């Protein structure tokens, strides 16, 4: 069957159309995305701005039309932290429903972590043993770990690259005191609940997923996407520590010229690098392997699992 997954993230709106059947990997058939930057369209009261709502509504309408053109039998539409945390979330969802007919499901942070973990587990399989998964989005950082397909622990923190860029890098590089504050805040927030993962025992396989980690791995020397999904890619703690001071001295335009960085996310790379560095350090990891599957694939896999039970 042909399924559409409409993902309203904190950075990007993305429609992924896949051909899917039980027991097989979902096969991408079409993709449409736009840089919405909802995490940066929040006013001082935490509400999504009118411009942000209009951009979101237009994107959803276009995505639904494309999904219909591509023959999708079912469309699963969801939103993550930017909408979830917005003070006017109900108004945003009502406007989208009124203008497009789409009912966006707002995922909790724990569900984001759980579904991303499912996708990573299916990609790497049981040979990964105790698996740890880390995902830096635009609005939040998701962490999950476990031995099964459902994680033992899963939680979400407001440490997304877009959110931090808006708070600390809006006017360019912050001074040294603000950078120390950023570093302290990130590390204290992650360390607060780190014990819930560490008490489960050492990780056999530590994995990172989504755009921020992929960009950082590419900057630090990982293979380009042109070499295919099955090339092993990783983000080394040593290489990231070597690159972070250099990234701090670069302009957004210079960062955008680096391999693996899209121009619309260049201003978030340094904030994301601080989060990634903290993850590697606090969980005492030498490297994180990059997984090409993430939340959207987790949504699809769970949907297929449910359909298989009904059959």
Protein backbone atom coordinates (compact mmCIF):
# COMPACT_ATOMS: atom_id res chain seq x y z
CA UNK A 1 0.00 0.00 0.00
CA UNK A 2 1.04 3.60 -0.48
CA UNK A 3 1.27 5.67 2.69
CA UNK A 4 1.99 9.33 3.32
CA UNK A 5 3.65 10.61 6.47
CA UNK A 6 3.28 14.33 7.01
CA UNK A 7 5.84 15.48 9.57
CA UNK A 8 5.56 19.02 10.94
CA UNK A 9 8.90 19.41 12.66
CA UNK A 10 10.41 22.38 14.43
CA UNK A 11 12.62 23.14 11.42
CA UNK A 12 10.95 21.56 8.42
CA UNK A 13 7.64 20.34 7.09
CA UNK A 14 8.17 17.06 5.27
CA UNK A 15 5.80 14.78 3.39
CA UNK A 16 7.28 11.34 2.80
CA UNK A 17 5.33 9.01 0.49
CA UNK A 18 6.31 5.35 0.73
CA UNK A 19 5.30 2.02 -0.73
CA UNK A 20 4.96 -0.23 2.29
CA UNK A 21 4.08 -3.80 3.14
CA UNK A 22 4.55 -5.96 6.19
CA UNK A 23 7.92 -7.65 6.49
CA UNK A 24 9.67 -5.30 4.06
CA UNK A 25 11.49 -2.00 4.41
CA UNK A 26 9.34 1.01 3.43
CA UNK A 27 10.42 2.16 -0.04
CA UNK A 28 10.38 5.95 -0.59
CA UNK A 29 8.27 6.97 -3.58
CA UNK A 30 8.16 10.76 -3.22
CA UNK A 31 9.31 13.51 -0.89
CA UNK A 32 8.27 17.12 -0.45
CA UNK A 33 9.64 19.47 2.19
CA UNK A 34 9.82 23.14 3.08
CA UNK A 35 11.89 24.97 5.75
CA UNK A 36 9.11 26.21 8.08
CA UNK A 37 11.38 27.07 11.05
CA UNK A 38 8.48 26.99 13.50
CA UNK A 39 10.87 26.90 16.46
CA UNK A 40 12.04 30.33 15.35
CA UNK A 41 8.53 31.65 14.64
CA UNK A 42 7.71 31.89 18.34
CA UNK A 43 7.03 35.27 19.89
CA UNK A 44 8.07 36.35 23.39
CA UNK A 45 4.98 34.64 24.84
CA UNK A 46 5.85 31.31 23.19
CA UNK A 47 3.10 31.54 20.56
CA UNK A 48 3.58 30.64 16.91
CA UNK A 49 3.46 33.91 14.97
CA UNK A 50 0.87 34.68 12.33
CA UNK A 51 3.55 34.30 9.65
CA UNK A 52 4.43 30.88 11.05
CA UNK A 53 0.79 29.76 11.06
CA UNK A 54 0.30 30.92 7.46
CA UNK A 55 3.45 29.13 6.29
CA UNK A 56 2.38 25.94 8.08
CA UNK A 57 -1.15 26.03 6.67
CA UNK A 58 0.08 26.60 3.11
CA UNK A 59 2.57 23.76 3.41
CA UNK A 60 -0.03 21.30 4.75
CA UNK A 61 -2.45 22.17 1.94
CA UNK A 62 0.25 21.63 -0.70
CA UNK A 63 1.41 18.40 0.92
CA UNK A 64 -2.11 16.94 1.03
CA UNK A 65 -2.64 17.77 -2.63
CA UNK A 66 0.64 16.06 -3.54
CA UNK A 67 -0.22 12.99 -1.44
CA UNK A 68 -3.52 12.72 -3.30
CA UNK A 69 -1.73 13.08 -6.64
CA UNK A 70 0.68 10.29 -5.65
CA UNK A 71 -2.18 7.93 -4.78
CA UNK A 72 -1.75 7.67 -1.01
CA UNK A 73 -4.35 5.41 0.59
CA UNK A 74 -3.62 6.73 4.07
CA UNK A 75 -1.93 9.86 5.40
CA UNK A 76 -0.58 10.11 8.91
CA UNK A 77 -0.03 13.75 9.91
CA UNK A 78 1.77 14.75 13.08
CA UNK A 79 3.55 17.66 14.72
CA UNK A 80 6.42 17.70 17.18
CA UNK A 81 7.91 20.08 19.74
CA UNK A 82 7.41 23.49 18.11
CA UNK A 83 3.63 22.99 17.98
CA UNK A 84 3.54 20.88 21.17
CA UNK A 85 5.22 23.61 23.22
CA UNK A 86 3.51 26.61 21.63
CA UNK A 87 1.25 28.60 23.95
CA UNK A 88 -1.31 28.86 21.12
CA UNK A 89 -1.06 25.21 20.02
CA UNK A 90 -4.84 24.69 20.05
CA UNK A 91 -5.37 27.74 17.83
CA UNK A 92 -2.65 26.57 15.41
CA UNK A 93 -4.19 23.10 15.12
CA UNK A 94 -7.69 24.55 14.67
CA UNK A 95 -6.50 26.88 11.91
CA UNK A 96 -4.80 24.03 10.04
CA UNK A 97 -7.92 21.85 10.41
CA UNK A 98 -10.21 24.66 9.21
CA UNK A 99 -8.07 25.59 6.20
CA UNK A 100 -6.94 22.12 5.07
CA UNK A 101 -9.09 19.49 6.78
CA UNK A 102 -5.98 17.89 8.29
CA UNK A 103 -6.04 16.73 11.91
CA UNK A 104 -2.46 16.98 13.10
CA UNK A 105 -1.64 14.60 15.93
CA UNK A 106 0.75 16.23 18.38
CA UNK A 107 3.33 13.68 19.49
CA UNK A 108 4.66 13.79 23.02
CA UNK A 109 8.41 13.95 23.45
CA UNK A 110 8.39 10.44 24.87
CA UNK A 111 6.52 9.15 21.80
CA UNK A 112 9.07 10.86 19.53
CA UNK A 113 11.89 9.09 21.36
CA UNK A 114 10.05 5.76 21.38
CA UNK A 115 9.18 5.76 17.68
CA UNK A 116 12.65 6.89 16.63
CA UNK A 117 14.07 4.07 18.75
CA UNK A 118 11.80 1.58 16.94
CA UNK A 119 13.11 2.76 13.56
CA UNK A 120 16.73 2.49 14.65
CA UNK A 121 16.19 -0.97 16.17
CA UNK A 122 14.65 -2.23 12.94
CA UNK A 123 17.50 -0.74 10.90
CA UNK A 124 20.33 -2.28 12.94
CA UNK A 125 18.53 -5.36 14.28
CA UNK A 126 18.95 -7.48 17.37
CA UNK A 127 22.72 -7.74 16.98
CA UNK A 128 22.93 -4.22 18.40
CA UNK A 129 22.17 -5.55 21.88
CA UNK A 130 21.47 -2.75 24.34
CA UNK A 131 20.82 0.17 22.02
CA UNK A 132 21.04 3.88 22.80
CA UNK A 133 19.47 6.41 20.43
CA UNK A 134 19.99 10.18 20.38
CA UNK A 135 18.11 12.59 18.11
CA UNK A 136 18.66 16.36 17.96
CA UNK A 137 15.67 18.03 16.33
CA UNK A 138 14.86 21.68 15.83
CA UNK A 139 13.00 22.00 19.12
CA UNK A 140 14.11 19.09 21.28
CA UNK A 141 16.63 16.36 22.01
CA UNK A 142 15.22 12.83 22.28
CA UNK A 143 17.05 10.07 24.17
CA UNK A 144 16.04 6.40 24.41
CA UNK A 145 17.70 3.11 25.30
CA UNK A 146 16.79 -0.53 25.70
CA UNK A 147 17.26 -4.17 24.77
CA UNK A 148 13.95 -4.70 22.95
CA UNK A 149 11.93 -2.93 20.24
CA UNK A 150 10.41 -0.65 22.86
CA UNK A 151 12.95 1.28 24.93
CA UNK A 152 13.37 0.89 28.70
CA UNK A 153 13.82 4.64 29.01
CA UNK A 154 12.72 7.43 26.69
CA UNK A 155 12.63 11.14 27.31
CA UNK A 156 12.74 14.51 25.59
CA UNK A 157 14.54 17.74 26.50
CA UNK A 158 14.03 21.28 25.12
CA UNK A 159 17.51 21.27 23.60
CA UNK A 160 16.77 21.41 19.88
CA UNK A 161 19.27 23.12 17.59
CA UNK A 162 16.71 25.65 16.31
CA UNK A 163 15.44 26.51 19.78
CA UNK A 164 18.97 27.09 21.11
CA UNK A 165 20.03 29.04 18.01
CA UNK A 166 17.06 31.36 18.51
CA UNK A 167 17.96 31.90 22.18
CA UNK A 168 21.75 32.21 21.92
CA UNK A 169 22.78 32.91 18.31
CA UNK A 170 20.07 35.26 17.05
CA UNK A 171 22.52 38.15 16.80
CA UNK A 172 25.52 36.11 15.71
CA UNK A 173 28.22 34.56 17.89
CA UNK A 174 27.50 35.20 21.59
CA UNK A 175 30.27 36.36 23.91
CA UNK A 176 32.28 33.88 25.97
CA UNK A 177 30.08 34.20 29.05
CA UNK A 178 26.93 33.39 27.07
CA UNK A 179 28.71 30.42 25.49
CA UNK A 180 29.64 29.12 28.95
CA UNK A 181 26.02 29.58 30.01
CA UNK A 182 24.86 27.63 26.93
CA UNK A 183 27.32 24.81 27.65
CA UNK A 184 26.33 24.63 31.35
CA UNK A 185 22.62 24.63 30.55
CA UNK A 186 22.86 21.85 27.97
CA UNK A 187 25.04 19.61 30.12
CA UNK A 188 23.02 20.10 33.30
CA UNK A 189 19.75 19.33 31.48
CA UNK A 190 21.14 16.13 29.94
CA UNK A 191 22.92 14.98 33.09
CA UNK A 192 19.82 15.44 35.26
CA UNK A 193 18.23 12.20 33.99
CA UNK A 194 21.30 10.50 32.52
CA UNK A 195 21.32 7.98 35.36
CA UNK A 196 18.05 6.47 34.15
CA UNK A 197 19.88 5.30 31.02
CA UNK A 198 23.20 4.47 32.66
CA UNK A 199 21.62 2.29 35.38
CA UNK A 200 20.43 -0.10 32.65
CA UNK A 201 24.03 -1.03 31.91
CA UNK A 202 26.53 -0.07 29.21
CA UNK A 203 25.33 0.49 25.67
CA UNK A 204 26.35 -2.10 23.11
CA UNK A 205 25.55 0.27 20.27
CA UNK A 206 25.19 4.06 20.46
CA UNK A 207 23.36 5.65 17.52
CA UNK A 208 22.44 9.15 16.38
CA UNK A 209 19.82 10.11 13.86
CA UNK A 210 18.23 13.06 12.04
CA UNK A 211 19.64 16.06 10.22
CA UNK A 212 21.80 17.77 12.87
CA UNK A 213 23.82 14.64 13.64
CA UNK A 214 24.07 13.78 9.94
CA UNK A 215 25.42 17.25 9.12
CA UNK A 216 27.98 17.10 11.95
CA UNK A 217 29.16 13.67 10.87
CA UNK A 218 29.55 14.90 7.30
CA UNK A 219 31.47 18.00 8.42
CA UNK A 220 33.84 15.80 10.42
CA UNK A 221 34.55 13.45 7.53
CA UNK A 222 31.71 10.96 7.02
CA UNK A 223 30.83 9.73 3.54
CA UNK A 224 28.42 11.83 1.45
CA UNK A 225 24.83 10.72 0.86
CA UNK A 226 25.72 9.99 -2.77
CA UNK A 227 27.54 6.85 -1.58
CA UNK A 228 24.23 5.33 -0.48
CA UNK A 229 22.34 4.39 2.70
CA UNK A 230 24.43 1.38 3.60
CA UNK A 231 27.82 3.06 4.00
CA UNK A 232 28.78 3.19 7.67
CA UNK A 233 28.88 6.76 8.98
CA UNK A 234 29.72 7.99 12.46
CA UNK A 235 30.38 11.10 14.51
CA UNK A 236 33.61 10.90 16.52
CA UNK A 237 33.91 12.73 19.83
CA UNK A 238 37.54 13.57 19.07
CA UNK A 239 36.72 14.98 15.63
CA UNK A 240 33.77 16.99 16.94
CA UNK A 241 35.92 18.50 19.71
CA UNK A 242 38.47 19.43 17.04
CA UNK A 243 35.84 21.08 14.84
CA UNK A 244 33.77 22.93 17.44
CA UNK A 245 36.23 25.85 17.97
CA UNK A 246 36.52 26.25 14.20
CA UNK A 247 32.74 26.31 13.75
CA UNK A 248 32.49 29.02 16.41
CA UNK A 249 34.72 31.30 14.35
CA UNK A 250 32.81 30.74 11.08
CA UNK A 251 29.97 32.84 9.72
CA UNK A 252 26.66 31.19 8.80
CA UNK A 253 27.65 31.58 5.14
CA UNK A 254 30.95 29.77 5.74
CA UNK A 255 29.21 26.97 7.63
CA UNK A 256 26.65 26.64 4.82
CA UNK A 257 29.51 25.96 2.43
CA UNK A 258 30.67 22.94 4.46
CA UNK A 259 29.74 19.45 3.24
CA UNK A 260 26.38 18.15 4.46
CA UNK A 261 25.02 21.53 5.63
CA UNK A 262 21.90 23.03 4.06
CA UNK A 263 21.78 26.85 3.93
CA UNK A 264 18.52 27.03 5.88
CA UNK A 265 20.10 25.17 8.85
CA UNK A 266 23.60 26.65 8.83
CA UNK A 267 22.79 29.07 11.67
CA UNK A 268 21.84 26.10 13.90
CA UNK A 269 24.97 23.99 13.42
CA UNK A 270 27.01 25.41 16.31
CA UNK A 271 24.14 25.05 18.79
CA UNK A 272 23.60 21.48 17.59
CA UNK A 273 27.33 20.77 17.95
CA UNK A 274 27.22 21.85 21.61
CA UNK A 275 24.37 19.40 22.24
CA UNK A 276 26.11 16.57 20.38
CA UNK A 277 29.35 17.18 22.29
CA UNK A 278 27.48 17.04 25.58
CA UNK A 279 25.78 13.75 24.65
CA UNK A 280 29.10 12.13 23.75
CA UNK A 281 30.79 13.38 26.92
CA UNK A 282 28.06 12.74 29.50
CA UNK A 283 27.37 9.20 28.26
CA UNK A 284 31.13 8.55 27.83
CA UNK A 285 30.87 7.66 24.15
CA UNK A 286 33.78 7.64 21.72
CA UNK A 287 31.46 7.92 18.72
CA UNK A 288 27.86 7.71 17.56
CA UNK A 289 26.92 5.70 14.48
CA UNK A 290 24.52 7.52 12.16
CA UNK A 291 21.23 5.82 11.26
CA UNK A 292 19.39 6.91 8.08
CA UNK A 293 16.01 6.02 9.62
CA UNK A 294 14.34 8.20 12.23
CA UNK A 295 10.91 9.32 13.43
CA UNK A 296 9.05 9.17 10.11
CA UNK A 297 10.17 5.60 9.52
CA UNK A 298 9.18 4.71 13.08
CA UNK A 299 5.69 6.06 12.42
CA UNK A 300 5.42 3.96 9.25
CA UNK A 301 6.70 0.80 10.92
CA UNK A 302 4.30 1.10 13.84
CA UNK A 303 1.44 1.71 11.41
CA UNK A 304 2.36 -1.42 9.43
CA UNK A 305 2.62 -3.45 12.63
CA UNK A 306 -0.92 -2.44 13.57
CA UNK A 307 -2.26 -3.23 10.10
CA UNK A 308 -0.61 -6.66 10.25
CA UNK A 309 -2.38 -7.41 13.55
CA UNK A 310 -5.73 -6.41 12.02
CA UNK A 311 -5.10 -8.71 9.04
